[in-house]
C-alpha atoms as a PDB file:
ATOM      1  CA  MET A   1      70.679 -24.759  32.614  1.00  0.00           C
ATOM      2  CA  THR A   2      71.195 -21.063  31.966  1.00  0.00           C
ATOM      3  CA  LEU A   3      68.530 -19.342  29.893  1.00  0.00           C
ATOM      4  CA  VAL A   4      69.532 -16.634  27.459  1.00  0.00           C
ATOM      5  CA  THR A   5      66.753 -14.179  26.638  1.00  0.00           C
ATOM      6  CA  VAL A   6      66.690 -12.634  23.165  1.00  0.00           C
ATOM      7  CA  GLY A   7      63.745 -10.283  22.738  1.00  0.00           C
ATOM      8  CA  VAL A   8      60.831 -12.282  24.098  1.00  0.00           C
ATOM      9  CA  LEU A   9      62.345 -15.655  23.266  1.00  0.00           C
ATOM     10  CA  ALA A  10      64.038 -17.725  25.986  1.00  0.00           C
ATOM     11  CA  VAL A  11      66.611 -20.125  24.607  1.00  0.00           C
ATOM     12  CA  GLY A  12      68.300 -22.912  26.521  1.00  0.00           C
ATOM     13  CA  GLY A  13      72.014 -23.379  26.024  1.00  0.00           C
ATOM     14  CA  CYS A  14      73.216 -25.796  23.359  1.00  0.00           C
ATOM     15  CA  ALA A  15      76.454 -27.095  21.961  1.00  0.00           C
ATOM     16  CA  GLY A  16      78.354 -24.521  19.963  1.00  0.00           C
ATOM     17  CA  THR A  17      81.698 -22.914  19.369  1.00  0.00           C
ATOM     18  CA  ASP A  18      83.811 -20.928  21.820  1.00  0.00           C
ATOM     19  CA  ARG A  19      85.313 -18.024  19.904  1.00  0.00           C
ATOM     20  CA  SER A  20      86.845 -16.152  22.847  1.00  0.00           C
ATOM     21  CA  ALA A  21      90.312 -14.671  22.326  1.00  0.00           C
ATOM     22  CA  GLY A  22      90.043 -15.291  18.575  1.00  0.00           C
ATOM     23  CA  ASN A  23      90.020 -19.075  18.957  1.00  0.00           C
ATOM     24  CA  GLU A  24      87.462 -21.411  17.458  1.00  0.00           C
ATOM     25  CA  VAL A  25      86.884 -24.477  19.620  1.00  0.00           C
ATOM     26  CA  ASP A  26      83.851 -26.737  19.365  1.00  0.00           C
ATOM     27  CA  VAL A  27      82.122 -27.062  22.729  1.00  0.00           C
ATOM     28  CA  ALA A  28      80.330 -30.292  23.575  1.00  0.00           C
ATOM     29  CA  PRO A  29      76.951 -30.286  25.330  1.00  0.00           C
ATOM     30  CA  GLY A  30      77.399 -29.806  29.074  1.00  0.00           C
ATOM     31  CA  ALA A  31      80.838 -28.208  28.697  1.00  0.00           C
ATOM     32  CA  GLY A  32      79.720 -24.544  28.673  1.00  0.00           C
ATOM     33  CA  ALA A  33      80.849 -21.895  26.229  1.00  0.00           C
ATOM     34  CA  SER A  34      82.148 -18.391  26.650  1.00  0.00           C
ATOM     35  CA  ARG A  35      80.795 -15.685  24.360  1.00  0.00           C
ATOM     36  CA  GLY A  36      81.396 -12.008  24.765  1.00  0.00           C
ATOM     37  CA  GLY A  37      82.709 -12.417  28.308  1.00  0.00           C
ATOM     38  CA  GLY A  38      79.630 -14.331  29.527  1.00  0.00           C
ATOM     39  CA  THR A  39      79.148 -18.021  30.136  1.00  0.00           C
ATOM     40  CA  ALA A  40      76.304 -20.171  28.922  1.00  0.00           C
ATOM     41  CA  GLU A  41      75.905 -23.714  30.173  1.00  0.00           C
ATOM     42  CA  ALA A  42      75.439 -26.010  27.202  1.00  0.00           C
ATOM     43  CA  ASP A  43      73.183 -28.906  28.021  1.00  0.00           C
ATOM     44  CA  GLY A  44      71.265 -29.615  24.859  1.00  0.00           C
ATOM     45  CA  GLY A  45      68.299 -27.382  25.811  1.00  0.00           C
ATOM     46  CA  THR A  46      65.594 -26.601  23.309  1.00  0.00           C
ATOM     47  CA  ALA A  47      64.044 -23.444  21.896  1.00  0.00           C
ATOM     48  CA  GLU A  48      60.613 -22.726  20.524  1.00  0.00           C
ATOM     49  CA  ALA A  49      61.437 -20.824  17.336  1.00  0.00           C
ATOM     50  CA  GLY A  50      60.644 -21.016  13.675  1.00  0.00           C
ATOM     51  CA  GLY A  51      63.034 -20.955  10.751  1.00  0.00           C
ATOM     52  CA  GLY A  52      66.248 -22.815  10.161  1.00  0.00           C
ATOM     53  CA  THR A  53      67.022 -25.307   7.494  1.00  0.00           C
ATOM     54  CA  ALA A  54      68.222 -28.307   9.492  1.00  0.00           C
ATOM     55  CA  GLU A  55      65.963 -31.203  10.390  1.00  0.00           C
ATOM     56  CA  ALA A  56      64.838 -31.082  14.016  1.00  0.00           C
ATOM     57  CA  GLY A  57      67.054 -33.291  16.132  1.00  0.00           C
ATOM     58  CA  GLY A  58      69.689 -33.601  13.381  1.00  0.00           C
ATOM     59  CA  ALA A  59      73.200 -32.247  13.342  1.00  0.00           C
ATOM     60  CA  PRO A  60      73.299 -28.455  13.150  1.00  0.00           C
ATOM     61  CA  VAL A  61      73.896 -26.846   9.792  1.00  0.00           C
ATOM     62  CA  ARG A  62      76.976 -24.616   9.892  1.00  0.00           C
ATOM     63  CA  VAL A  63      77.238 -21.239   8.221  1.00  0.00           C
ATOM     64  CA  ARG A  64      80.890 -20.151   7.979  1.00  0.00           C
ATOM     65  CA  VAL A  65      81.121 -16.362   8.030  1.00  0.00           C
ATOM     66  CA  PHE A  66      84.424 -14.557   7.485  1.00  0.00           C
ATOM     67  CA  ALA A  67      84.354 -10.907   8.548  1.00  0.00           C
ATOM     68  CA  ASP A  68      86.507  -7.902   9.307  1.00  0.00           C
ATOM     69  CA  GLU A  69      87.706  -7.701  12.911  1.00  0.00           C
ATOM     70  CA  SER A  70      86.030  -4.287  13.205  1.00  0.00           C
ATOM     71  CA  LEU A  71      82.633  -6.007  12.937  1.00  0.00           C
ATOM     72  CA  ARG A  72      83.177  -8.428  15.840  1.00  0.00           C
ATOM     73  CA  ALA A  73      80.882  -6.765  18.414  1.00  0.00           C
ATOM     74  CA  ALA A  74      77.949  -6.262  16.034  1.00  0.00           C
ATOM     75  CA  LEU A  75      78.216  -9.674  14.342  1.00  0.00           C
ATOM     76  CA  THR A  76      78.443 -11.469  17.680  1.00  0.00           C
ATOM     77  CA  GLU A  77      75.051  -9.973  18.544  1.00  0.00           C
ATOM     78  CA  VAL A  78      73.673 -10.803  15.080  1.00  0.00           C
ATOM     79  CA  GLU A  79      74.918 -14.385  15.496  1.00  0.00           C
ATOM     80  CA  LYS A  80      73.123 -14.751  18.842  1.00  0.00           C
ATOM     81  CA  GLY A  81      69.897 -13.377  17.376  1.00  0.00           C
ATOM     82  CA  TYR A  82      70.084 -15.558  14.271  1.00  0.00           C
ATOM     83  CA  GLU A  83      70.813 -18.732  16.226  1.00  0.00           C
ATOM     84  CA  ALA A  84      67.911 -17.970  18.604  1.00  0.00           C
ATOM     85  CA  PHE A  85      65.501 -17.912  15.647  1.00  0.00           C
ATOM     86  CA  ASN A  86      67.279 -20.815  13.898  1.00  0.00           C
ATOM     87  CA  PRO A  87      68.261 -23.252  16.664  1.00  0.00           C
ATOM     88  CA  ASN A  88      69.496 -25.920  14.219  1.00  0.00           C
ATOM     89  CA  VAL A  89      71.938 -23.551  12.499  1.00  0.00           C
ATOM     90  CA  GLU A  90      75.359 -22.808  13.975  1.00  0.00           C
ATOM     91  CA  VAL A  91      77.057 -19.633  12.786  1.00  0.00           C
ATOM     92  CA  VAL A  92      80.854 -19.950  12.874  1.00  0.00           C
ATOM     93  CA  LEU A  93      82.452 -16.492  12.779  1.00  0.00           C
ATOM     94  CA  THR A  94      86.081 -16.020  11.705  1.00  0.00           C
ATOM     95  CA  TYR A  95      87.635 -12.562  11.874  1.00  0.00           C
ATOM     96  CA  GLY A  96      90.629 -10.916  10.266  1.00  0.00           C
ATOM     97  CA  ARG A  97      92.053  -7.470   9.657  1.00  0.00           C
ATOM     98  CA  GLY A  98      91.456  -5.529   6.445  1.00  0.00           C
ATOM     99  CA  GLY A  99      91.341  -7.728   3.355  1.00  0.00           C
ATOM    100  CA  GLU A 100      92.956 -10.674   5.202  1.00  0.00           C
ATOM    101  CA  THR A 101      89.723 -12.690   5.317  1.00  0.00           C
ATOM    102  CA  ALA A 102      89.152 -12.273   1.562  1.00  0.00           C
ATOM    103  CA  ARG A 103      92.733 -13.374   0.855  1.00  0.00           C
ATOM    104  CA  ARG A 104      92.261 -16.470   3.028  1.00  0.00           C
ATOM    105  CA  ILE A 105      89.139 -17.397   1.054  1.00  0.00           C
ATOM    106  CA  ALA A 106      90.925 -16.708  -2.258  1.00  0.00           C
ATOM    107  CA  ASP A 107      93.688 -19.046  -1.031  1.00  0.00           C
ATOM    108  CA  GLY A 108      91.168 -21.864  -0.549  1.00  0.00           C
ATOM    109  CA  GLU A 109      89.682 -21.592   2.947  1.00  0.00           C
ATOM    110  CA  LYS A 110      86.008 -22.611   3.042  1.00  0.00           C
ATOM    111  CA  ALA A 111      83.483 -19.871   3.826  1.00  0.00           C
ATOM    112  CA  ASP A 112      79.806 -19.344   3.070  1.00  0.00           C
ATOM    113  CA  LEU A 113      79.710 -15.561   3.522  1.00  0.00           C
ATOM    114  CA  LEU A 114      82.291 -12.779   3.498  1.00  0.00           C
ATOM    115  CA  ILE A 115      81.370  -9.548   5.272  1.00  0.00           C
ATOM    116  CA  SER A 116      83.520  -6.429   5.114  1.00  0.00           C
ATOM    117  CA  ASP A 117      83.057  -2.824   6.147  1.00  0.00           C
ATOM    118  CA  GLU A 118      85.687  -1.695   3.647  1.00  0.00           C
ATOM    119  CA  PRO A 119      84.579  -0.976   0.049  1.00  0.00           C
ATOM    120  CA  SER A 120      87.417  -3.109  -1.354  1.00  0.00           C
ATOM    121  CA  GLY A 121      87.278  -5.742   1.421  1.00  0.00           C
ATOM    122  CA  THR A 122      85.855  -8.429  -0.870  1.00  0.00           C
ATOM    123  CA  ALA A 123      87.967  -7.629  -3.965  1.00  0.00           C
ATOM    124  CA  ALA A 124      90.241 -10.694  -3.620  1.00  0.00           C
ATOM    125  CA  VAL A 125      87.247 -13.021  -4.054  1.00  0.00           C
ATOM    126  CA  SER A 126      85.226 -13.270  -7.261  1.00  0.00           C
ATOM    127  CA  GLY A 127      81.577 -12.370  -7.102  1.00  0.00           C
ATOM    128  CA  LYS A 128      79.418  -9.299  -6.735  1.00  0.00           C
ATOM    129  CA  PRO A 129      78.896  -8.298  -3.096  1.00  0.00           C
ATOM    130  CA  GLU A 130      75.558  -6.993  -1.881  1.00  0.00           C
ATOM    131  CA  ARG A 131      75.656  -3.659  -0.074  1.00  0.00           C
ATOM    132  CA  ILE A 132      73.824  -3.633   3.249  1.00  0.00           C
ATOM    133  CA  GLY A 133      74.386  -0.132   4.582  1.00  0.00           C
ATOM    134  CA  ARG A 134      78.139   0.286   4.691  1.00  0.00           C
ATOM    135  CA  LEU A 135      78.726  -3.485   4.676  1.00  0.00           C
ATOM    136  CA  SER A 136      79.734  -5.540   1.647  1.00  0.00           C
ATOM    137  CA  VAL A 137      78.221  -9.028   1.934  1.00  0.00           C
ATOM    138  CA  LEU A 138      79.403 -11.663  -0.511  1.00  0.00           C
ATOM    139  CA  ASP A 139      77.421 -14.935  -0.537  1.00  0.00           C
ATOM    140  CA  LEU A 140      79.910 -17.674  -1.444  1.00  0.00           C
ATOM    141  CA  ASP A 141      77.416 -20.551  -1.277  1.00  0.00           C
ATOM    142  CA  PRO A 142      75.853 -20.802  -4.753  1.00  0.00           C
ATOM    143  CA  ALA A 143      73.237 -23.270  -3.487  1.00  0.00           C
ATOM    144  CA  GLY A 144      71.720 -20.670  -1.145  1.00  0.00           C
ATOM    145  CA  GLY A 145      70.327 -22.167   2.025  1.00  0.00           C
ATOM    146  CA  PRO A 146      71.538 -21.028   5.448  1.00  0.00           C
ATOM    147  CA  ALA A 147      74.085 -18.551   4.039  1.00  0.00           C
ATOM    148  CA  ASP A 148      71.289 -16.868   2.071  1.00  0.00           C
ATOM    149  CA  GLU A 149      69.081 -16.877   5.150  1.00  0.00           C
ATOM    150  CA  PHE A 150      71.821 -15.300   7.282  1.00  0.00           C
ATOM    151  CA  ALA A 151      72.312 -12.538   4.675  1.00  0.00           C
ATOM    152  CA  THR A 152      68.540 -11.958   4.664  1.00  0.00           C
ATOM    153  CA  PHE A 153      68.616 -11.755   8.475  1.00  0.00           C
ATOM    154  CA  LEU A 154      71.280  -9.014   8.177  1.00  0.00           C
ATOM    155  CA  ARG A 155      69.169  -6.983   5.754  1.00  0.00           C
ATOM    156  CA  GLU A 156      65.731  -7.470   7.355  1.00  0.00           C
ATOM    157  CA  GLY A 157      64.006  -7.707  10.723  1.00  0.00           C
ATOM    158  CA  GLU A 158      65.892  -8.459  13.920  1.00  0.00           C
ATOM    159  CA  GLY A 159      69.348  -8.665  12.313  1.00  0.00           C
ATOM    160  CA  LYS A 160      68.857  -5.285  10.677  1.00  0.00           C
ATOM    161  CA  ARG A 161      67.775  -3.821  14.031  1.00  0.00           C
ATOM    162  CA  ILE A 162      70.960  -5.138  15.638  1.00  0.00           C
ATOM    163  CA  LEU A 163      73.075  -3.537  12.883  1.00  0.00           C
ATOM    164  CA  ILE A 164      71.181  -0.241  13.308  1.00  0.00           C
ATOM    165  CA  ASP A 165      71.701  -0.321  17.092  1.00  0.00           C
ATOM    166  CA  SER A 166      75.426  -0.963  16.556  1.00  0.00           C
ATOM    167  CA  GLY A 167      75.692   2.080  14.261  1.00  0.00           C
ATOM    168  CA  LEU A 168      76.575   0.063  11.141  1.00  0.00           C
ATOM    169  CA  LEU A 169      73.250   0.891   9.453  1.00  0.00           C
ATOM    170  CA  ARG A 170      71.104   3.986   9.425  1.00  0.00           C
ATOM    171  CA  PRO A 171      67.427   3.537  10.392  1.00  0.00           C
END
């Protein structure tokens, strides 16, 4: 088992999604997953962390996040941090150029959050986006839950620190 260290938290690998080369492929436990050029062996390991909305031992709750391609590096780090603190939540990131992601959602694709670094990047989807620094974050899940928690993670604590380190937010 490969351990991934995030801050002072060691997290064992777990099943997830391989998003390398723009593809989204579910990865079964034991199959390994490539993220950001690295490899993590997925073997159903556990993490000692608080938070998350899924029942322990149950199927992971998925948060579908559509975002501008320009945010890939920063959001990949945010995803890793969020999943480390919420081991029963799987963040599925989908990227597109410009307003493409908003148009896909407007055309019926399912998403929980839309994140854009363009002021008009969420215009094709109804709703009032929240501004987090230069990002527009539109919560598309009216019931709240994990999508709300992910947006809170972006605006506060560790997620905010990651966005500051990436240059997307000012300290």
